[in-house]
Amino acid sequence: MGIYEELVARGLIAQVTDEEKIRKLINNGEATFYIGFDPTADSLHVGHFMALCLMKRLQMAGNKPIALIGGGTAMVGDPSGRSDMRQMMTKETIQHNCDCFKKQMSKFIDFSDGKALMVNNADWLLDLNYIELLRDVGACFSVNNMLRAECYKQRMEKGLSFLEFNYMIMQSYDFYELYRKYGCNLQFGGDDQWSNMLGGRELIRRKLGLSEEDAKAQAMTITLLLNSEGKKMGKTQSGAVWLDPNKTSPYDFYQYWRNVGDADVLKCIRMLTFLPLEQIDEMDKWEGSQLNQAKEILAYELTKLVHGEEEASKAQESARALFSSGNAEDMPTAELEDGDFKDGAVDLISMLVKAELVGTRSEGRRAIEQGGVTLDGEKITDIHFTLKKEDIPEDGLVLKRGKKKFKKIIAK
């Protein structure tokens, strides 16, 4: 089985421009491919995870990845899937985020000895001359076709700015520039990027005067990671699930995947892990309590990919210890500071918010009233419950919301 067939079997491929050409390219290790990452935060998150895993799979099969950091496109903002305009960022913030991305990507992609490239589209986009761009690139695009693109539909309802309208042209120019400079013959991206990717392929074709049949640049989209309810995976009530351990701890990362729904676990194992397909095919028959074992496997494998084997083992042992004995040394902690105590005491709702077990105080109040909060195994339904600093032991107290969310509370 070639790598293309494996990607199909794992359910990773959504749309392709020319299946036979792409199959030949990547099965023969002849693809120089790129995926773009706009640095809109100082960490990659679960939404980027599938793209990183795909780059790793293709590199292992002999293909050459180009990780494109969108230092230039981030100054405009991608309107895809947005109902509002993205917040504008300074050049300094964008550069800081780019530096963070490079460090994280190196865990997935081998950049040594020219095996992969990392480039920043700010290097060419920021120097473009507007009139030259209009003449040389703008002439290759049909406004009618652009307005039909899926990525603009949501924004059209509330008002699409001219700034955002240019995003497709900028992403298309990226593909052209990478093709011209590095021989990049394949672009990957999320399924919501299809129109932008076709724009890049068409720009290359027209600039080189090629027919559709002779087009050398190809595009392929990755299936979006959705749960059984059709919602994008990778978000919690407190926000995104980050790959940076300082933003989402290895334990919380493990717990996110440990708590996926029964209907989603085997799909996630197939799409995201590097376990052999034969092993996953056997797991497709699992049901009932076996699905909990599958969730442990998923959580462990993905935590190992992102944070290493040691952290994955610690997270797994900690989770098992919590459910068997109610405590664990490596449990994630929330540290109360002097400012959290009012008149020497802290209320339970404040502890829930501090521990990020709830997003708001009103949510915390409801959780307590509904009997979903325990402190060291004791259910507490009094919304006015408080603790004095001296009542918190040195090794902390376990605060739980529901069956699966918990933190160890310690006081400075």
Protein backbone atom coordinates (compact mmCIF):
# COMPACT_ATOMS: atom_id res chain seq x y z
CA MET A 1 0.00 0.00 0.00
CA GLY A 2 1.40 3.39 -1.03
CA ILE A 3 1.19 6.48 1.14
CA TYR A 4 -1.68 7.85 -0.97
CA GLU A 5 -3.71 4.69 -0.42
CA GLU A 6 -2.95 4.88 3.30
CA LEU A 7 -4.18 8.47 3.48
CA VAL A 8 -7.41 7.40 1.77
CA ALA A 9 -7.81 4.45 4.13
CA ARG A 10 -7.36 6.75 7.12
CA GLY A 11 -10.06 9.09 5.83
CA LEU A 12 -7.70 12.04 5.51
CA ILE A 13 -8.29 13.15 1.91
CA ALA A 14 -11.25 15.38 1.08
CA GLN A 15 -10.69 16.88 -2.41
CA VAL A 16 -7.97 16.57 -5.05
CA THR A 17 -7.31 18.34 -8.33
CA ASP A 18 -5.99 15.28 -10.19
CA GLU A 19 -5.99 12.04 -8.23
CA GLU A 20 -3.71 10.04 -10.51
CA LYS A 21 -1.05 12.75 -10.72
CA ILE A 22 -1.10 13.28 -6.95
CA ARG A 23 -1.01 9.55 -6.28
CA LYS A 24 2.08 9.19 -8.47
CA LEU A 25 3.79 12.23 -6.95
CA ILE A 26 3.53 11.24 -3.30
CA ASN A 27 3.83 7.46 -3.74
CA ASN A 28 7.11 7.98 -5.61
CA GLY A 29 8.39 10.54 -3.09
CA GLU A 30 8.44 13.23 -5.81
CA ALA A 31 6.25 15.81 -4.08
CA THR A 32 7.61 19.06 -2.75
CA PHE A 33 4.53 20.16 -0.87
CA TYR A 34 3.53 23.00 1.39
CA ILE A 35 1.00 23.77 4.08
CA GLY A 36 0.48 27.29 5.38
CA PHE A 37 0.15 28.31 9.02
CA ASP A 38 -0.97 31.83 9.88
CA PRO A 39 0.64 32.90 13.18
CA THR A 40 -2.49 34.30 14.84
CA ALA A 41 -1.37 33.07 18.30
CA ASP A 42 1.91 32.22 20.05
CA SER A 43 1.21 28.47 19.87
CA LEU A 44 -0.11 25.91 17.45
CA HIS A 45 -3.29 24.15 18.55
CA VAL A 46 -5.22 20.95 17.89
CA GLY A 47 -6.65 22.52 14.74
CA HIS A 48 -3.12 22.40 13.26
CA PHE A 49 -2.45 18.91 14.54
CA MET A 50 -3.76 16.95 11.55
CA ALA A 51 -1.74 19.07 9.12
CA LEU A 52 1.44 18.49 11.12
CA CYS A 53 0.79 14.74 11.25
CA LEU A 54 0.16 14.69 7.49
CA MET A 55 3.45 16.48 6.86
CA LYS A 56 5.21 13.91 9.03
CA ARG A 57 3.58 11.00 7.17
CA LEU A 58 4.53 12.38 3.75
CA GLN A 59 8.09 13.16 4.81
CA MET A 60 8.47 9.60 6.11
CA ALA A 61 7.44 8.46 2.62
CA GLY A 62 10.27 10.45 1.01
CA ASN A 63 8.47 13.68 0.11
CA LYS A 64 9.79 17.14 0.98
CA PRO A 65 7.67 19.43 3.18
CA ILE A 66 7.67 23.20 3.14
CA ALA A 67 6.18 24.76 6.26
CA LEU A 68 4.97 28.19 5.22
CA ILE A 69 4.62 30.63 8.10
CA GLY A 70 2.15 33.36 7.15
CA GLY A 71 3.96 36.40 8.48
CA GLY A 72 2.59 38.37 5.53
CA THR A 73 -0.93 36.94 5.21
CA ALA A 74 -1.41 37.30 8.98
CA MET A 75 -1.34 41.07 8.41
CA VAL A 76 -4.55 40.68 6.38
CA GLY A 77 -6.35 37.76 8.04
CA ASP A 78 -8.07 34.74 6.52
CA PRO A 79 -11.87 35.26 6.28
CA SER A 80 -12.54 31.50 5.92
CA GLY A 81 -15.03 30.26 8.50
CA ARG A 82 -15.28 33.69 10.09
CA SER A 83 -18.39 35.75 10.82
CA ASP A 84 -16.28 38.77 11.82
CA MET A 85 -13.00 40.36 10.81
CA ARG A 86 -9.85 39.09 12.51
CA GLN A 87 -8.06 41.42 14.91
CA MET A 88 -5.12 43.21 13.34
CA MET A 89 -1.71 42.32 14.82
CA THR A 90 1.54 44.29 14.97
CA LYS A 91 4.65 43.13 13.10
CA GLU A 92 6.31 42.42 16.47
CA THR A 93 3.48 40.14 17.61
CA ILE A 94 3.47 38.29 14.29
CA GLN A 95 7.24 37.74 14.46
CA HIS A 96 7.02 36.44 18.04
CA ASN A 97 4.28 34.00 17.02
CA CYS A 98 6.33 32.84 14.02
CA ASP A 99 9.30 32.07 16.29
CA CYS A 100 7.06 30.00 18.59
CA PHE A 101 5.66 28.03 15.63
CA LYS A 102 9.15 27.10 14.40
CA LYS A 103 10.06 25.52 17.71
CA GLN A 104 6.87 23.45 17.89
CA MET A 105 6.96 22.27 14.27
CA SER A 106 10.41 20.80 14.74
CA LYS A 107 8.86 18.09 16.90
CA PHE A 108 6.99 16.79 13.86
CA ILE A 109 9.15 17.68 10.89
CA ASP A 110 12.84 16.92 10.32
CA PHE A 111 14.43 20.12 9.00
CA SER A 112 17.99 18.77 8.99
CA ASP A 113 20.10 18.39 5.85
CA GLY A 114 17.56 20.08 3.57
CA LYS A 115 14.89 17.44 4.24
CA ALA A 116 12.32 20.19 4.79
CA LEU A 117 12.07 23.96 4.50
CA MET A 118 10.51 26.61 6.69
CA VAL A 119 9.77 29.89 4.94
CA ASN A 120 7.87 33.07 5.80
CA ASN A 121 5.66 34.69 3.17
CA ALA A 122 6.45 38.10 4.65
CA ASP A 123 9.75 37.78 2.74
CA TRP A 124 7.96 38.33 -0.59
CA LEU A 125 4.49 39.69 0.21
CA LEU A 126 5.66 42.76 2.14
CA ASP A 127 7.82 43.92 -0.77
CA LEU A 128 5.16 43.67 -3.47
CA ASN A 129 4.41 46.78 -5.51
CA TYR A 130 0.67 47.40 -5.65
CA ILE A 131 0.49 48.45 -9.32
CA GLU A 132 2.69 45.54 -10.41
CA LEU A 133 0.55 43.14 -8.37
CA LEU A 134 -2.63 44.43 -10.03
CA ARG A 135 -1.14 44.04 -13.51
CA ASP A 136 0.77 40.77 -13.08
CA VAL A 137 -1.48 38.88 -10.65
CA GLY A 138 -4.84 40.64 -10.44
CA ALA A 139 -5.40 40.15 -14.17
CA CYS A 140 -5.37 36.37 -13.62
CA PHE A 141 -8.40 36.40 -11.28
CA SER A 142 -12.10 36.60 -12.04
CA VAL A 143 -14.04 38.61 -9.43
CA ASN A 144 -17.18 36.61 -10.31
CA ASN A 145 -15.40 33.35 -9.46
CA MET A 146 -13.93 34.81 -6.29
CA LEU A 147 -17.33 35.92 -5.00
CA ARG A 148 -18.64 32.39 -5.44
CA ALA A 149 -15.89 30.98 -3.21
CA GLU A 150 -17.06 29.24 -0.04
CA CYS A 151 -14.49 31.07 2.09
CA TYR A 152 -16.19 34.42 1.44
CA LYS A 153 -19.86 33.43 1.86
CA GLN A 154 -20.09 33.87 5.62
CA ARG A 155 -18.36 37.24 5.52
CA MET A 156 -20.50 38.50 2.64
CA GLU A 157 -23.58 38.45 4.89
CA LYS A 158 -22.05 40.92 7.37
CA GLY A 159 -19.78 42.77 5.01
CA LEU A 160 -16.54 41.57 3.45
CA SER A 161 -13.76 44.17 3.62
CA PHE A 162 -11.54 44.79 0.61
CA LEU A 163 -8.63 43.87 2.89
CA GLU A 164 -9.99 40.35 3.40
CA PHE A 165 -11.05 40.06 -0.25
CA ASN A 166 -7.36 40.14 -1.15
CA TYR A 167 -6.53 37.11 1.01
CA MET A 168 -7.20 34.63 -1.81
CA ILE A 169 -4.83 36.53 -4.11
CA MET A 170 -2.12 36.55 -1.45
CA GLN A 171 -2.42 32.83 -0.74
CA SER A 172 -2.44 32.10 -4.45
CA TYR A 173 0.70 34.18 -4.88
CA ASP A 174 2.35 32.12 -2.13
CA PHE A 175 1.85 28.95 -4.18
CA TYR A 176 3.23 30.67 -7.29
CA GLU A 177 6.28 31.96 -5.41
CA LEU A 178 7.00 28.57 -3.81
CA TYR A 179 6.59 26.83 -7.18
CA ARG A 180 8.97 29.30 -8.83
CA LYS A 181 11.62 29.32 -6.06
CA TYR A 182 11.55 25.79 -4.68
CA GLY A 183 9.77 23.65 -7.26
CA CYS A 184 6.78 23.21 -4.95
CA ASN A 185 4.32 21.09 -6.94
CA LEU A 186 1.65 20.34 -4.34
CA GLN A 187 -0.33 22.33 -1.78
CA PHE A 188 -2.21 20.83 1.16
CA GLY A 189 -4.71 22.56 3.38
CA GLY A 190 -7.96 22.26 5.24
CA ASP A 191 -11.08 21.59 3.22
CA ASP A 192 -12.22 25.19 3.87
CA GLN A 193 -9.18 26.40 1.87
CA TRP A 194 -10.17 24.72 -1.40
CA SER A 195 -11.04 27.92 -3.29
CA ASN A 196 -7.76 29.61 -2.27
CA MET A 197 -5.77 26.55 -3.33
CA LEU A 198 -7.48 26.39 -6.73
CA GLY A 199 -6.67 30.09 -7.13
CA GLY A 200 -2.98 29.38 -6.62
CA ARG A 201 -2.99 26.48 -9.06
CA GLU A 202 -4.75 28.61 -11.68
CA LEU A 203 -2.29 31.48 -11.17
CA ILE A 204 0.67 29.15 -11.78
CA ARG A 205 -0.99 27.66 -14.85
CA ARG A 206 -1.77 31.05 -16.39
CA LYS A 207 1.60 32.61 -15.59
CA LEU A 208 3.35 29.66 -17.26
CA GLY A 209 0.90 29.48 -20.16
CA LEU A 210 -0.02 25.82 -19.49
CA SER A 211 -3.19 23.99 -20.44
CA GLU A 212 -5.31 22.35 -17.74
CA GLU A 213 -4.00 18.98 -18.86
CA ASP A 214 -0.36 20.11 -18.58
CA ALA A 215 -0.79 21.86 -15.22
CA LYS A 216 2.14 20.87 -13.01
CA ALA A 217 0.89 22.21 -9.69
CA GLN A 218 -1.67 20.17 -7.77
CA ALA A 219 -3.77 20.71 -4.67
CA MET A 220 -5.33 18.43 -2.09
CA THR A 221 -7.44 19.20 0.95
CA ILE A 222 -7.46 17.41 4.28
CA THR A 223 -10.68 16.30 5.90
CA LEU A 224 -11.62 18.67 8.70
CA LEU A 225 -11.54 17.06 12.15
CA LEU A 226 -15.18 17.17 13.22
CA ASN A 227 -16.95 15.36 16.05
CA SER A 228 -20.15 13.34 15.59
CA GLU A 229 -22.18 16.56 16.00
CA GLY A 230 -20.38 18.21 13.09
CA LYS A 231 -18.41 20.65 15.26
CA LYS A 232 -14.66 21.28 14.90
CA MET A 233 -12.65 19.40 17.50
CA GLY A 234 -9.95 21.07 19.55
CA LYS A 235 -11.87 23.53 21.69
CA THR A 236 -12.99 23.36 25.31
CA GLN A 237 -15.11 25.67 27.43
CA SER A 238 -11.94 27.49 28.48
CA GLY A 239 -10.71 27.84 24.86
CA ALA A 240 -8.43 26.08 22.40
CA VAL A 241 -6.40 22.96 23.17
CA TRP A 242 -2.83 24.19 22.60
CA LEU A 243 0.34 22.27 21.75
CA ASP A 244 2.38 24.53 24.05
CA PRO A 245 2.63 22.80 27.47
CA ASN A 246 2.52 26.20 29.18
CA LYS A 247 -0.89 26.92 27.67
CA THR A 248 -2.37 23.41 27.83
CA SER A 249 -0.52 21.05 30.18
CA PRO A 250 0.41 17.55 28.93
CA TYR A 251 -2.10 16.20 31.48
CA ASP A 252 -4.94 18.42 30.20
CA PHE A 253 -3.97 17.56 26.62
CA TYR A 254 -4.16 13.86 27.50
CA GLN A 255 -7.51 14.35 29.25
CA TYR A 256 -8.98 16.14 26.23
CA TRP A 257 -8.42 13.09 24.05
CA ARG A 258 -9.31 10.67 26.86
CA ASN A 259 -12.73 12.33 27.03
CA VAL A 260 -13.70 12.28 23.35
CA GLY A 261 -17.09 10.76 22.59
CA ASP A 262 -17.55 7.05 21.94
CA ALA A 263 -18.66 7.85 18.38
CA ASP A 264 -15.43 9.78 17.65
CA VAL A 265 -12.61 7.80 19.26
CA LEU A 266 -11.92 5.25 16.52
CA LYS A 267 -12.13 7.90 13.79
CA CYS A 268 -9.56 9.98 15.70
CA ILE A 269 -7.26 6.98 16.12
CA ARG A 270 -7.45 6.29 12.38
CA MET A 271 -6.86 9.89 11.32
CA LEU A 272 -4.36 11.12 13.89
CA THR A 273 -2.23 8.28 15.24
CA PHE A 274 0.57 6.38 13.49
CA LEU A 275 -0.70 2.97 14.63
CA PRO A 276 -0.78 0.36 11.83
CA LEU A 277 -4.05 0.22 9.90
CA GLU A 278 -4.34 -3.50 10.58
CA GLN A 279 -4.38 -2.83 14.33
CA ILE A 280 -6.96 -0.06 13.92
CA ASP A 281 -9.16 -2.28 11.74
CA GLU A 282 -9.31 -4.78 14.62
CA MET A 283 -10.24 -1.99 17.02
CA ASP A 284 -13.19 -1.05 14.79
CA LYS A 285 -14.95 -4.08 16.28
CA TRP A 286 -14.58 -2.77 19.84
CA GLU A 287 -17.62 -1.66 21.78
CA GLY A 288 -18.76 -0.96 25.33
CA SER A 289 -15.96 -0.87 27.89
CA GLN A 290 -13.39 -1.55 25.15
CA LEU A 291 -14.00 2.00 23.90
CA ASN A 292 -12.52 3.33 27.14
CA GLN A 293 -9.36 1.38 26.34
CA ALA A 294 -9.41 2.88 22.85
CA LYS A 295 -9.64 6.37 24.38
CA GLU A 296 -6.61 5.66 26.55
CA ILE A 297 -4.68 4.52 23.49
CA LEU A 298 -5.69 7.65 21.55
CA ALA A 299 -4.79 9.99 24.43
CA TYR A 300 -1.45 8.30 25.06
CA GLU A 301 -0.38 8.18 21.39
CA LEU A 302 -1.22 11.83 20.71
CA THR A 303 0.31 13.10 23.96
CA LYS A 304 3.47 11.14 23.11
CA LEU A 305 3.59 12.77 19.67
CA VAL A 306 3.30 16.30 21.06
CA HIS A 307 4.99 16.11 24.48
CA GLY A 308 7.13 12.97 24.40
CA GLU A 309 6.86 9.49 25.88
CA GLU A 310 7.76 10.51 29.44
CA GLU A 311 5.04 13.15 29.69
CA ALA A 312 2.50 10.82 28.05
CA SER A 313 3.25 8.10 30.62
CA LYS A 314 3.02 10.57 33.51
CA ALA A 315 -0.33 11.88 32.25
CA GLN A 316 -1.72 8.37 31.84
CA GLU A 317 -0.56 7.23 35.27
CA SER A 318 -1.92 10.39 36.87
CA ALA A 319 -5.33 9.95 35.23
CA ARG A 320 -5.53 6.31 36.26
CA ALA A 321 -4.46 7.15 39.82
CA LEU A 322 -7.13 9.82 40.11
CA PHE A 323 -9.94 7.52 39.11
CA SER A 324 -8.70 4.68 41.27
CA SER A 325 -7.71 6.52 44.44
CA GLY A 326 -8.86 10.12 44.06
CA ASN A 327 -5.39 11.65 44.05
CA ALA A 328 -2.15 11.73 42.09
CA GLU A 329 1.19 13.42 42.46
CA ASP A 330 1.36 14.58 38.86
CA MET A 331 -2.17 15.97 38.72
CA PRO A 332 -2.37 19.47 37.14
CA THR A 333 -2.55 22.17 39.78
CA ALA A 334 -4.11 25.57 40.30
CA GLU A 335 -2.17 27.77 42.69
CA LEU A 336 -4.05 30.22 44.90
CA GLU A 337 -2.18 33.43 45.63
CA ASP A 338 -2.64 35.92 48.45
CA GLY A 339 -4.87 38.08 46.26
CA ASP A 340 -7.35 35.21 45.86
CA PHE A 341 -8.11 35.26 49.57
CA LYS A 342 -10.55 37.88 50.86
CA ASP A 343 -10.38 38.36 54.64
CA GLY A 344 -8.28 35.21 54.84
CA ALA A 345 -10.73 32.97 52.91
CA VAL A 346 -11.52 32.00 49.31
CA ASP A 347 -14.96 30.97 48.06
CA LEU A 348 -15.62 27.79 46.10
CA ILE A 349 -16.79 29.60 42.97
CA SER A 350 -13.49 31.53 42.83
CA MET A 351 -11.58 28.25 43.14
CA LEU A 352 -13.53 26.76 40.23
CA VAL A 353 -12.77 29.79 38.05
CA LYS A 354 -9.09 29.85 39.11
CA ALA A 355 -8.76 26.16 38.25
CA GLU A 356 -10.39 26.80 34.84
CA LEU A 357 -13.04 24.16 35.61
CA VAL A 358 -15.67 26.75 34.70
CA GLY A 359 -15.55 29.73 32.39
CA THR A 360 -17.59 32.16 34.50
CA ARG A 361 -18.79 32.63 38.07
CA SER A 362 -22.41 32.03 37.02
CA GLU A 363 -21.37 28.72 35.44
CA GLY A 364 -19.61 27.81 38.70
CA ARG A 365 -22.70 28.68 40.72
CA ARG A 366 -24.87 26.41 38.56
CA ALA A 367 -22.37 23.54 38.81
CA ILE A 368 -22.42 23.75 42.62
CA GLU A 369 -26.21 24.00 42.85
CA GLN A 370 -26.62 20.98 40.55
CA GLY A 371 -24.39 18.85 42.78
CA GLY A 372 -21.55 18.53 40.30
CA VAL A 373 -18.70 19.83 42.47
CA THR A 374 -16.63 17.87 45.01
CA LEU A 375 -13.67 18.88 47.15
CA ASP A 376 -11.44 15.98 48.20
CA GLY A 377 -14.31 13.56 47.51
CA GLU A 378 -16.97 15.54 49.41
CA LYS A 379 -19.88 16.94 47.42
CA ILE A 380 -20.51 20.63 48.13
CA THR A 381 -23.81 22.28 47.21
CA ASP A 382 -23.44 25.50 49.20
CA ILE A 383 -22.58 28.33 46.80
CA HIS A 384 -21.29 30.38 49.76
CA PHE A 385 -18.76 27.70 50.85
CA THR A 386 -15.34 29.16 51.70
CA LEU A 387 -11.95 27.86 52.76
CA LYS A 388 -9.31 29.52 54.89
CA LYS A 389 -5.74 29.42 53.66
CA GLU A 390 -4.61 27.37 56.66
CA ASP A 391 -7.29 24.74 55.88
CA ILE A 392 -5.57 23.86 52.59
CA PRO A 393 -2.95 21.15 53.25
CA GLU A 394 0.55 21.46 51.83
CA ASP A 395 -0.06 18.70 49.29
CA GLY A 396 -3.31 20.35 48.17
CA LEU A 397 -6.97 19.45 47.75
CA VAL A 398 -8.59 17.77 44.72
CA LEU A 399 -11.34 19.96 43.24
CA LYS A 400 -13.59 18.15 40.76
CA ARG A 401 -16.37 19.29 38.48
CA GLY A 402 -18.33 16.32 37.22
CA LYS A 403 -16.53 13.02 36.72
CA LYS A 404 -13.77 14.04 34.34
CA LYS A 405 -12.63 17.59 35.16
CA PHE A 406 -10.37 18.16 38.15
CA LYS A 407 -7.42 20.14 39.47
CA LYS A 408 -5.33 20.01 42.59
CA ILE A 409 -5.74 23.24 44.55
CA ILE A 410 -2.66 24.46 46.42
CA ALA A 411 -1.97 27.68 48.29
CA LYS A 412 1.28 29.67 48.18
